[in-house]
Amino acid sequence: MALGRNTKFYETPNHPFQGERIAQEADLLSRYGLSNKEELWRAQSELRDYRREARRLLGEAQGEVEVAAEAAADFLARLKRIGVLDEEDGLDDILSLDVTDILERRLQTVAYRKGLANTPNQARQFIVHGHITVDGARVTRPSYKVDVAQEGVIDYDGTSPLADDLHPERAEGQ
């Protein structure tokens, strides 16, 4: 028996064979270009952790949202920095977040929405193959969480063949 750290950072569904849930997962996989359900389950677990932390902070403040928000200033600032929350959102808004709010902050999705690729799957391939940089640094993880401040500095790598405006795989208009 191997002793060590837990390497599984997500929870699987309690009921694996529910047709409606499977259909929703398949829709999200295709819409966001995810390679497997594990990536979706990681995002769902991340959202679950955010909600759990928000409920804990609200509970400590006995439901007083203003008191809890002061105690959770760092937590709220981090969620606003990565773009999961808007600037005017508070602690109670975390409880109404959806898994799509987490998936929208992935580099793969941001690169696709920015027009660097024609499809989410193509954006994933460009990232994995090292054609996309964030603030001049090559990032090869499609799941990289993009800060709001970094959105403007996502571009093709200067040494990539895709940096040429006439490359046939470049997205239209880029």
N, C-alpha and C. Protein backbone atom coordinates (compact mmCIF):
# COMPACT_ATOMS: atom_id res chain seq x y z
N MET A 1 0.85 -1.19 0.00
CA MET A 1 0.00 0.00 0.00
C MET A 1 0.89 1.24 0.00
N ALA A 2 0.65 2.10 -0.95
CA ALA A 2 1.46 3.29 -1.09
C ALA A 2 0.88 4.42 -0.23
N LEU A 3 1.70 4.98 0.60
CA LEU A 3 1.29 6.13 1.40
C LEU A 3 1.78 7.38 0.70
N GLY A 4 0.97 8.39 0.66
CA GLY A 4 1.39 9.62 0.01
C GLY A 4 0.25 10.62 -0.03
N ARG A 5 0.49 11.62 -0.81
CA ARG A 5 -0.50 12.67 -0.93
C ARG A 5 -1.66 12.23 -1.82
N ASN A 6 -2.79 12.84 -1.56
CA ASN A 6 -3.97 12.60 -2.39
C ASN A 6 -3.75 13.31 -3.73
N THR A 7 -3.82 12.57 -4.81
CA THR A 7 -3.61 13.17 -6.12
C THR A 7 -4.91 13.40 -6.87
N LYS A 8 -6.03 13.05 -6.29
CA LYS A 8 -7.32 13.24 -6.93
C LYS A 8 -7.97 14.50 -6.36
N PHE A 9 -8.09 15.51 -7.18
CA PHE A 9 -8.58 16.80 -6.72
C PHE A 9 -10.01 17.08 -7.20
N TYR A 10 -10.79 16.03 -7.32
CA TYR A 10 -12.17 16.21 -7.74
C TYR A 10 -13.00 15.07 -7.16
N GLU A 11 -14.30 15.30 -7.13
CA GLU A 11 -15.23 14.28 -6.66
C GLU A 11 -16.07 13.82 -7.84
N THR A 12 -16.28 12.51 -7.94
CA THR A 12 -17.12 11.99 -9.00
C THR A 12 -18.59 12.06 -8.56
N PRO A 13 -19.51 12.00 -9.50
CA PRO A 13 -20.94 12.06 -9.13
C PRO A 13 -21.34 10.88 -8.25
N ASN A 14 -22.27 11.11 -7.36
CA ASN A 14 -22.76 10.05 -6.48
C ASN A 14 -23.52 8.98 -7.25
N HIS A 15 -24.25 9.40 -8.27
CA HIS A 15 -25.05 8.47 -9.07
C HIS A 15 -24.52 8.54 -10.51
N PRO A 16 -23.62 7.64 -10.89
CA PRO A 16 -22.94 7.77 -12.18
C PRO A 16 -23.82 7.57 -13.41
N PHE A 17 -24.96 6.92 -13.29
CA PHE A 17 -25.75 6.61 -14.48
C PHE A 17 -27.09 7.32 -14.49
N GLN A 18 -27.07 8.65 -14.46
CA GLN A 18 -28.28 9.45 -14.59
C GLN A 18 -28.26 10.09 -15.97
N GLY A 19 -29.23 9.74 -16.79
CA GLY A 19 -29.24 10.19 -18.17
C GLY A 19 -29.22 11.69 -18.33
N GLU A 20 -29.99 12.40 -17.50
CA GLU A 20 -30.06 13.86 -17.61
C GLU A 20 -28.71 14.51 -17.29
N ARG A 21 -28.06 14.04 -16.22
CA ARG A 21 -26.76 14.59 -15.84
C ARG A 21 -25.72 14.27 -16.90
N ILE A 22 -25.75 13.06 -17.45
CA ILE A 22 -24.80 12.67 -18.49
C ILE A 22 -24.96 13.57 -19.72
N ALA A 23 -26.20 13.87 -20.09
CA ALA A 23 -26.47 14.74 -21.24
C ALA A 23 -25.95 16.16 -20.97
N GLN A 24 -26.17 16.68 -19.75
CA GLN A 24 -25.66 18.01 -19.41
C GLN A 24 -24.14 18.04 -19.45
N GLU A 25 -23.51 16.99 -18.92
CA GLU A 25 -22.04 16.92 -18.94
C GLU A 25 -21.52 16.87 -20.38
N ALA A 26 -22.16 16.09 -21.24
CA ALA A 26 -21.73 15.99 -22.64
C ALA A 26 -21.85 17.35 -23.33
N ASP A 27 -22.91 18.09 -23.02
CA ASP A 27 -23.09 19.43 -23.60
C ASP A 27 -21.96 20.36 -23.16
N LEU A 28 -21.63 20.34 -21.87
CA LEU A 28 -20.55 21.20 -21.37
C LEU A 28 -19.20 20.78 -21.95
N LEU A 29 -18.96 19.47 -22.09
CA LEU A 29 -17.70 18.99 -22.66
C LEU A 29 -17.52 19.51 -24.08
N SER A 30 -18.59 19.46 -24.88
CA SER A 30 -18.46 19.92 -26.26
C SER A 30 -18.40 21.45 -26.34
N ARG A 31 -19.18 22.14 -25.50
CA ARG A 31 -19.22 23.60 -25.56
C ARG A 31 -17.90 24.23 -25.14
N TYR A 32 -17.20 23.63 -24.17
CA TYR A 32 -15.95 24.20 -23.67
C TYR A 32 -14.72 23.45 -24.16
N GLY A 33 -14.88 22.43 -25.01
CA GLY A 33 -13.75 21.71 -25.57
C GLY A 33 -12.94 20.94 -24.54
N LEU A 34 -13.60 20.43 -23.51
CA LEU A 34 -12.90 19.67 -22.48
C LEU A 34 -12.57 18.28 -23.02
N SER A 35 -11.45 17.71 -22.58
CA SER A 35 -11.04 16.42 -23.14
C SER A 35 -11.75 15.25 -22.47
N ASN A 36 -12.17 15.42 -21.22
CA ASN A 36 -12.87 14.32 -20.53
C ASN A 36 -13.67 14.89 -19.36
N LYS A 37 -14.47 14.03 -18.75
CA LYS A 37 -15.33 14.49 -17.65
C LYS A 37 -14.54 14.86 -16.41
N GLU A 38 -13.33 14.32 -16.28
CA GLU A 38 -12.50 14.67 -15.12
C GLU A 38 -12.27 16.18 -15.06
N GLU A 39 -12.04 16.82 -16.21
CA GLU A 39 -11.83 18.27 -16.23
C GLU A 39 -13.09 19.00 -15.74
N LEU A 40 -14.25 18.52 -16.15
CA LEU A 40 -15.51 19.12 -15.70
C LEU A 40 -15.69 18.90 -14.21
N TRP A 41 -15.41 17.69 -13.73
CA TRP A 41 -15.56 17.38 -12.31
C TRP A 41 -14.60 18.20 -11.46
N ARG A 42 -13.42 18.52 -11.99
CA ARG A 42 -12.48 19.39 -11.25
C ARG A 42 -13.07 20.78 -11.09
N ALA A 43 -13.67 21.30 -12.16
CA ALA A 43 -14.29 22.62 -12.09
C ALA A 43 -15.46 22.61 -11.11
N GLN A 44 -16.25 21.53 -11.13
CA GLN A 44 -17.37 21.43 -10.20
C GLN A 44 -16.87 21.34 -8.76
N SER A 45 -15.77 20.63 -8.52
CA SER A 45 -15.21 20.53 -7.17
C SER A 45 -14.65 21.88 -6.72
N GLU A 46 -14.04 22.62 -7.65
CA GLU A 46 -13.53 23.95 -7.32
C GLU A 46 -14.68 24.87 -6.91
N LEU A 47 -15.78 24.83 -7.66
CA LEU A 47 -16.97 25.61 -7.34
C LEU A 47 -17.54 25.19 -5.99
N ARG A 48 -17.57 23.90 -5.73
CA ARG A 48 -18.06 23.37 -4.45
C ARG A 48 -17.21 23.91 -3.29
N ASP A 49 -15.89 23.97 -3.48
CA ASP A 49 -15.00 24.50 -2.44
C ASP A 49 -15.27 25.99 -2.20
N TYR A 50 -15.50 26.76 -3.28
CA TYR A 50 -15.81 28.18 -3.13
C TYR A 50 -17.10 28.36 -2.32
N ARG A 51 -18.11 27.59 -2.67
CA ARG A 51 -19.40 27.70 -1.96
C ARG A 51 -19.24 27.29 -0.49
N ARG A 52 -18.49 26.23 -0.25
CA ARG A 52 -18.27 25.74 1.12
C ARG A 52 -17.59 26.83 1.96
N GLU A 53 -16.58 27.48 1.38
CA GLU A 53 -15.88 28.55 2.09
C GLU A 53 -16.81 29.73 2.34
N ALA A 54 -17.64 30.09 1.38
CA ALA A 54 -18.59 31.20 1.54
C ALA A 54 -19.59 30.89 2.65
N ARG A 55 -20.10 29.65 2.67
CA ARG A 55 -21.06 29.27 3.72
C ARG A 55 -20.39 29.29 5.09
N ARG A 56 -19.13 28.86 5.14
CA ARG A 56 -18.41 28.87 6.42
C ARG A 56 -18.24 30.30 6.93
N LEU A 57 -17.85 31.19 6.04
CA LEU A 57 -17.65 32.60 6.44
C LEU A 57 -18.97 33.25 6.84
N LEU A 58 -20.04 32.96 6.12
CA LEU A 58 -21.35 33.51 6.48
C LEU A 58 -21.82 32.94 7.82
N GLY A 59 -21.53 31.68 8.06
CA GLY A 59 -21.92 31.05 9.32
C GLY A 59 -21.17 31.63 10.51
N GLU A 60 -19.88 31.91 10.31
CA GLU A 60 -19.09 32.50 11.39
C GLU A 60 -19.61 33.88 11.77
N ALA A 61 -20.15 34.58 10.79
CA ALA A 61 -20.67 35.93 11.04
C ALA A 61 -22.15 35.89 11.40
N GLN A 62 -22.69 34.70 11.68
CA GLN A 62 -24.10 34.51 12.03
C GLN A 62 -25.03 35.16 11.00
N GLY A 63 -24.69 35.03 9.73
CA GLY A 63 -25.56 35.50 8.67
C GLY A 63 -25.46 36.98 8.35
N GLU A 64 -24.65 37.73 9.07
CA GLU A 64 -24.48 39.15 8.76
C GLU A 64 -23.51 39.28 7.60
N VAL A 65 -24.03 39.59 6.41
CA VAL A 65 -23.25 39.59 5.18
C VAL A 65 -22.10 40.60 5.23
N GLU A 66 -22.34 41.79 5.81
CA GLU A 66 -21.29 42.83 5.84
C GLU A 66 -20.11 42.39 6.70
N VAL A 67 -20.39 41.80 7.86
CA VAL A 67 -19.34 41.32 8.76
C VAL A 67 -18.55 40.20 8.09
N ALA A 68 -19.26 39.29 7.43
CA ALA A 68 -18.61 38.17 6.76
C ALA A 68 -17.75 38.65 5.60
N ALA A 69 -18.22 39.67 4.88
CA ALA A 69 -17.46 40.19 3.74
C ALA A 69 -16.14 40.81 4.19
N GLU A 70 -16.14 41.46 5.35
CA GLU A 70 -14.89 42.02 5.88
C GLU A 70 -13.91 40.90 6.22
N ALA A 71 -14.41 39.83 6.82
CA ALA A 71 -13.55 38.71 7.18
C ALA A 71 -13.06 37.97 5.94
N ALA A 72 -13.80 38.05 4.87
CA ALA A 72 -13.48 37.31 3.66
C ALA A 72 -12.88 38.19 2.57
N ALA A 73 -12.31 39.32 2.92
CA ALA A 73 -11.81 40.27 1.93
C ALA A 73 -10.80 39.62 0.98
N ASP A 74 -9.87 38.82 1.50
CA ASP A 74 -8.87 38.18 0.65
C ASP A 74 -9.51 37.16 -0.29
N PHE A 75 -10.45 36.38 0.26
CA PHE A 75 -11.14 35.37 -0.53
C PHE A 75 -11.91 36.04 -1.68
N LEU A 76 -12.65 37.09 -1.37
CA LEU A 76 -13.40 37.81 -2.39
C LEU A 76 -12.47 38.47 -3.41
N ALA A 77 -11.37 39.03 -2.93
CA ALA A 77 -10.42 39.69 -3.84
C ALA A 77 -9.84 38.68 -4.83
N ARG A 78 -9.54 37.45 -4.36
CA ARG A 78 -8.99 36.43 -5.25
C ARG A 78 -10.01 36.04 -6.32
N LEU A 79 -11.28 35.85 -5.93
CA LEU A 79 -12.31 35.47 -6.90
C LEU A 79 -12.57 36.60 -7.89
N LYS A 80 -12.46 37.84 -7.45
CA LYS A 80 -12.63 38.97 -8.37
C LYS A 80 -11.43 39.10 -9.30
N ARG A 81 -10.23 38.81 -8.79
CA ARG A 81 -9.02 38.89 -9.60
C ARG A 81 -9.06 37.88 -10.75
N ILE A 82 -9.53 36.65 -10.47
CA ILE A 82 -9.58 35.65 -11.53
C ILE A 82 -10.85 35.76 -12.37
N GLY A 83 -11.73 36.71 -12.03
CA GLY A 83 -12.89 36.99 -12.86
C GLY A 83 -14.10 36.12 -12.61
N VAL A 84 -14.10 35.33 -11.55
CA VAL A 84 -15.26 34.51 -11.22
C VAL A 84 -16.38 35.40 -10.68
N LEU A 85 -16.02 36.44 -9.94
CA LEU A 85 -16.98 37.41 -9.41
C LEU A 85 -16.74 38.76 -10.07
N ASP A 86 -17.81 39.55 -10.20
CA ASP A 86 -17.67 40.93 -10.66
C ASP A 86 -17.27 41.80 -9.48
N GLU A 87 -16.83 43.02 -9.76
CA GLU A 87 -16.34 43.92 -8.71
C GLU A 87 -17.40 44.22 -7.64
N GLU A 88 -18.67 44.32 -8.07
CA GLU A 88 -19.71 44.68 -7.11
C GLU A 88 -20.30 43.47 -6.38
N ASP A 89 -19.89 42.26 -6.75
CA ASP A 89 -20.43 41.06 -6.11
C ASP A 89 -19.89 40.89 -4.69
N GLY A 90 -20.68 40.22 -3.88
CA GLY A 90 -20.30 39.97 -2.49
C GLY A 90 -20.27 38.49 -2.19
N LEU A 91 -20.16 38.19 -0.90
CA LEU A 91 -20.03 36.81 -0.44
C LEU A 91 -21.25 35.96 -0.77
N ASP A 92 -22.45 36.56 -0.67
CA ASP A 92 -23.66 35.80 -0.95
C ASP A 92 -23.81 35.46 -2.44
N ASP A 93 -23.12 36.21 -3.33
CA ASP A 93 -23.17 35.93 -4.77
C ASP A 93 -22.41 34.67 -5.13
N ILE A 94 -21.48 34.24 -4.28
CA ILE A 94 -20.72 33.01 -4.53
C ILE A 94 -21.66 31.81 -4.55
N LEU A 95 -22.68 31.85 -3.71
CA LEU A 95 -23.61 30.72 -3.62
C LEU A 95 -24.45 30.56 -4.87
N SER A 96 -24.55 31.61 -5.69
CA SER A 96 -25.35 31.51 -6.91
C SER A 96 -24.49 31.28 -8.16
N LEU A 97 -23.20 31.03 -7.99
CA LEU A 97 -22.33 30.77 -9.13
C LEU A 97 -22.66 29.43 -9.78
N ASP A 98 -22.33 29.30 -11.05
CA ASP A 98 -22.56 28.08 -11.81
C ASP A 98 -21.20 27.55 -12.29
N VAL A 99 -21.13 26.30 -12.67
CA VAL A 99 -19.85 25.72 -13.11
C VAL A 99 -19.35 26.43 -14.37
N THR A 100 -20.25 27.00 -15.18
CA THR A 100 -19.80 27.72 -16.38
C THR A 100 -18.99 28.96 -16.01
N ASP A 101 -19.24 29.55 -14.84
CA ASP A 101 -18.45 30.70 -14.40
C ASP A 101 -16.99 30.30 -14.19
N ILE A 102 -16.76 29.09 -13.74
CA ILE A 102 -15.40 28.58 -13.55
C ILE A 102 -14.78 28.23 -14.91
N LEU A 103 -15.56 27.54 -15.76
CA LEU A 103 -15.04 27.12 -17.07
C LEU A 103 -14.71 28.30 -17.97
N GLU A 104 -15.41 29.42 -17.81
CA GLU A 104 -15.14 30.61 -18.63
C GLU A 104 -13.78 31.23 -18.33
N ARG A 105 -13.18 30.92 -17.19
CA ARG A 105 -11.90 31.52 -16.81
C ARG A 105 -10.70 30.68 -17.22
N ARG A 106 -10.94 29.54 -17.86
CA ARG A 106 -9.83 28.71 -18.35
C ARG A 106 -9.16 29.39 -19.53
N LEU A 107 -7.85 29.22 -19.67
CA LEU A 107 -7.12 29.80 -20.79
C LEU A 107 -7.70 29.33 -22.12
N GLN A 108 -8.08 28.07 -22.19
CA GLN A 108 -8.65 27.51 -23.41
C GLN A 108 -9.88 28.31 -23.85
N THR A 109 -10.77 28.60 -22.92
CA THR A 109 -12.00 29.32 -23.25
C THR A 109 -11.70 30.78 -23.56
N VAL A 110 -10.81 31.41 -22.78
CA VAL A 110 -10.49 32.82 -23.00
C VAL A 110 -9.83 33.01 -24.36
N ALA A 111 -8.91 32.10 -24.73
CA ALA A 111 -8.25 32.19 -26.04
C ALA A 111 -9.26 32.04 -27.17
N TYR A 112 -10.21 31.12 -27.01
CA TYR A 112 -11.25 30.93 -28.03
C TYR A 112 -12.15 32.17 -28.12
N ARG A 113 -12.60 32.68 -26.97
CA ARG A 113 -13.49 33.85 -26.96
C ARG A 113 -12.78 35.09 -27.52
N LYS A 114 -11.46 35.14 -27.34
CA LYS A 114 -10.69 36.29 -27.82
C LYS A 114 -10.48 36.21 -29.34
N GLY A 115 -10.75 35.04 -29.92
CA GLY A 115 -10.63 34.90 -31.37
C GLY A 115 -9.29 34.36 -31.83
N LEU A 116 -8.50 33.78 -30.93
CA LEU A 116 -7.21 33.22 -31.32
C LEU A 116 -7.37 31.85 -31.97
N ALA A 117 -8.54 31.25 -31.88
CA ALA A 117 -8.81 29.94 -32.48
C ALA A 117 -10.25 29.91 -32.97
N ASN A 118 -10.51 29.01 -33.91
CA ASN A 118 -11.85 28.90 -34.49
C ASN A 118 -12.81 28.10 -33.62
N THR A 119 -12.29 27.17 -32.82
CA THR A 119 -13.12 26.33 -31.96
C THR A 119 -12.43 26.17 -30.60
N PRO A 120 -13.17 25.79 -29.57
CA PRO A 120 -12.52 25.52 -28.27
C PRO A 120 -11.49 24.40 -28.37
N ASN A 121 -11.77 23.39 -29.20
CA ASN A 121 -10.81 22.30 -29.35
C ASN A 121 -9.53 22.77 -30.04
N GLN A 122 -9.66 23.66 -31.01
CA GLN A 122 -8.48 24.21 -31.66
C GLN A 122 -7.68 25.07 -30.68
N ALA A 123 -8.39 25.82 -29.84
CA ALA A 123 -7.70 26.62 -28.81
C ALA A 123 -6.91 25.71 -27.89
N ARG A 124 -7.50 24.58 -27.51
CA ARG A 124 -6.81 23.61 -26.66
C ARG A 124 -5.53 23.11 -27.34
N GLN A 125 -5.64 22.77 -28.62
CA GLN A 125 -4.47 22.27 -29.35
C GLN A 125 -3.39 23.34 -29.44
N PHE A 126 -3.75 24.58 -29.75
CA PHE A 126 -2.76 25.66 -29.84
C PHE A 126 -2.03 25.83 -28.51
N ILE A 127 -2.77 25.75 -27.40
CA ILE A 127 -2.17 25.92 -26.07
C ILE A 127 -1.23 24.77 -25.75
N VAL A 128 -1.69 23.54 -25.95
CA VAL A 128 -0.87 22.37 -25.63
C VAL A 128 0.39 22.33 -26.48
N HIS A 129 0.31 22.80 -27.73
CA HIS A 129 1.46 22.78 -28.62
C HIS A 129 2.37 24.00 -28.43
N GLY A 130 2.02 24.88 -27.48
CA GLY A 130 2.89 26.00 -27.13
C GLY A 130 2.77 27.21 -28.03
N HIS A 131 1.66 27.39 -28.72
CA HIS A 131 1.50 28.53 -29.62
C HIS A 131 0.91 29.76 -28.94
N ILE A 132 0.44 29.63 -27.69
CA ILE A 132 -0.23 30.73 -27.00
C ILE A 132 0.62 31.17 -25.81
N THR A 133 0.74 32.49 -25.63
CA THR A 133 1.47 33.03 -24.48
C THR A 133 0.53 33.91 -23.65
N VAL A 134 0.84 33.99 -22.37
CA VAL A 134 0.14 34.88 -21.45
C VAL A 134 1.20 35.83 -20.90
N ASP A 135 1.07 37.10 -21.25
CA ASP A 135 2.03 38.11 -20.82
C ASP A 135 3.46 37.74 -21.24
N GLY A 136 3.59 37.20 -22.44
CA GLY A 136 4.89 36.85 -22.98
C GLY A 136 5.43 35.49 -22.56
N ALA A 137 4.78 34.83 -21.61
CA ALA A 137 5.23 33.52 -21.14
C ALA A 137 4.37 32.43 -21.77
N ARG A 138 5.02 31.43 -22.33
CA ARG A 138 4.30 30.31 -22.95
C ARG A 138 3.61 29.49 -21.86
N VAL A 139 2.33 29.25 -22.04
CA VAL A 139 1.55 28.43 -21.10
C VAL A 139 0.99 27.26 -21.90
N THR A 140 1.23 26.03 -21.41
CA THR A 140 0.79 24.85 -22.15
C THR A 140 -0.30 24.08 -21.41
N ARG A 141 -0.95 24.71 -20.44
CA ARG A 141 -2.04 24.08 -19.69
C ARG A 141 -3.35 24.75 -20.07
N PRO A 142 -4.25 24.04 -20.76
CA PRO A 142 -5.54 24.64 -21.13
C PRO A 142 -6.37 25.03 -19.91
N SER A 143 -6.12 24.40 -18.75
CA SER A 143 -6.91 24.67 -17.55
C SER A 143 -6.39 25.87 -16.76
N TYR A 144 -5.33 26.53 -17.24
CA TYR A 144 -4.74 27.69 -16.55
C TYR A 144 -5.81 28.74 -16.30
N LYS A 145 -5.92 29.21 -15.05
CA LYS A 145 -6.92 30.24 -14.71
C LYS A 145 -6.37 31.61 -15.09
N VAL A 146 -7.08 32.30 -15.96
CA VAL A 146 -6.64 33.59 -16.46
C VAL A 146 -7.19 34.70 -15.57
N ASP A 147 -6.29 35.53 -15.04
CA ASP A 147 -6.70 36.70 -14.27
C ASP A 147 -7.35 37.71 -15.22
N VAL A 148 -8.21 38.55 -14.69
CA VAL A 148 -8.86 39.59 -15.49
C VAL A 148 -7.80 40.51 -16.09
N ALA A 149 -6.76 40.83 -15.33
CA ALA A 149 -5.70 41.72 -15.80
C ALA A 149 -4.88 41.09 -16.93
N GLN A 150 -4.89 39.76 -17.04
CA GLN A 150 -4.08 39.09 -18.06
C GLN A 150 -4.82 38.90 -19.38
N GLU A 151 -6.12 39.15 -19.42
CA GLU A 151 -6.89 38.89 -20.63
C GLU A 151 -6.34 39.63 -21.84
N GLY A 152 -5.87 40.85 -21.65
CA GLY A 152 -5.38 41.65 -22.77
C GLY A 152 -4.01 41.24 -23.27
N VAL A 153 -3.29 40.42 -22.53
CA VAL A 153 -1.92 40.05 -22.92
C VAL A 153 -1.81 38.60 -23.36
N ILE A 154 -2.94 38.01 -23.78
CA ILE A 154 -2.93 36.66 -24.35
C ILE A 154 -2.78 36.80 -25.86
N ASP A 155 -1.77 36.14 -26.41
CA ASP A 155 -1.50 36.27 -27.84
C ASP A 155 -0.76 35.05 -28.33
N TYR A 156 -0.49 35.02 -29.64
CA TYR A 156 0.32 33.94 -30.20
C TYR A 156 1.77 34.14 -29.79
N ASP A 157 2.50 33.05 -29.62
CA ASP A 157 3.93 33.11 -29.32
C ASP A 157 4.64 33.69 -30.55
N GLY A 158 5.60 34.57 -30.31
CA GLY A 158 6.33 35.22 -31.42
C GLY A 158 7.08 34.24 -32.29
N THR A 159 7.53 33.11 -31.74
CA THR A 159 8.28 32.12 -32.52
C THR A 159 7.38 31.09 -33.17
N SER A 160 6.08 31.17 -32.92
CA SER A 160 5.13 30.20 -33.46
C SER A 160 4.82 30.52 -34.93
N PRO A 161 4.63 29.49 -35.74
CA PRO A 161 4.19 29.75 -37.12
C PRO A 161 2.85 30.49 -37.17
N LEU A 162 2.04 30.36 -36.12
CA LEU A 162 0.74 31.03 -36.08
C LEU A 162 0.87 32.54 -35.91
N ALA A 163 2.05 33.01 -35.55
CA ALA A 163 2.25 34.46 -35.41
C ALA A 163 2.15 35.16 -36.77
N ASP A 164 2.33 34.41 -37.86
CA ASP A 164 2.20 34.94 -39.21
C ASP A 164 0.72 35.16 -39.53
N ASP A 165 0.35 36.37 -39.91
CA ASP A 165 -1.04 36.71 -40.20
C ASP A 165 -1.65 35.86 -41.30
N LEU A 166 -0.84 35.31 -42.19
CA LEU A 166 -1.35 34.56 -43.32
C LEU A 166 -1.42 33.06 -43.07
N HIS A 167 -1.12 32.63 -41.85
CA HIS A 167 -1.16 31.19 -41.55
C HIS A 167 -2.58 30.66 -41.75
N PRO A 168 -2.73 29.52 -42.46
CA PRO A 168 -4.08 29.04 -42.78
C PRO A 168 -4.92 28.61 -41.57
N GLU A 169 -4.31 28.25 -40.46
CA GLU A 169 -5.07 27.82 -39.29
C GLU A 169 -5.49 28.97 -38.38
N ARG A 170 -5.00 30.17 -38.68
CA ARG A 170 -5.37 31.32 -37.85
C ARG A 170 -6.85 31.60 -37.96
N ALA A 171 -7.40 32.05 -36.84
CA ALA A 171 -8.82 32.40 -36.82
C ALA A 171 -9.07 33.58 -37.75
N GLU A 172 -10.24 33.59 -38.36
CA GLU A 172 -10.61 34.70 -39.24
C GLU A 172 -10.61 36.01 -38.47
N GLY A 173 -10.01 37.03 -39.05
CA GLY A 173 -10.02 38.35 -38.44
C GLY A 173 -8.93 38.56 -37.41
N GLN A 174 -8.08 37.59 -37.19
CA GLN A 174 -6.98 37.77 -36.23
C GLN A 174 -5.68 37.99 -36.94
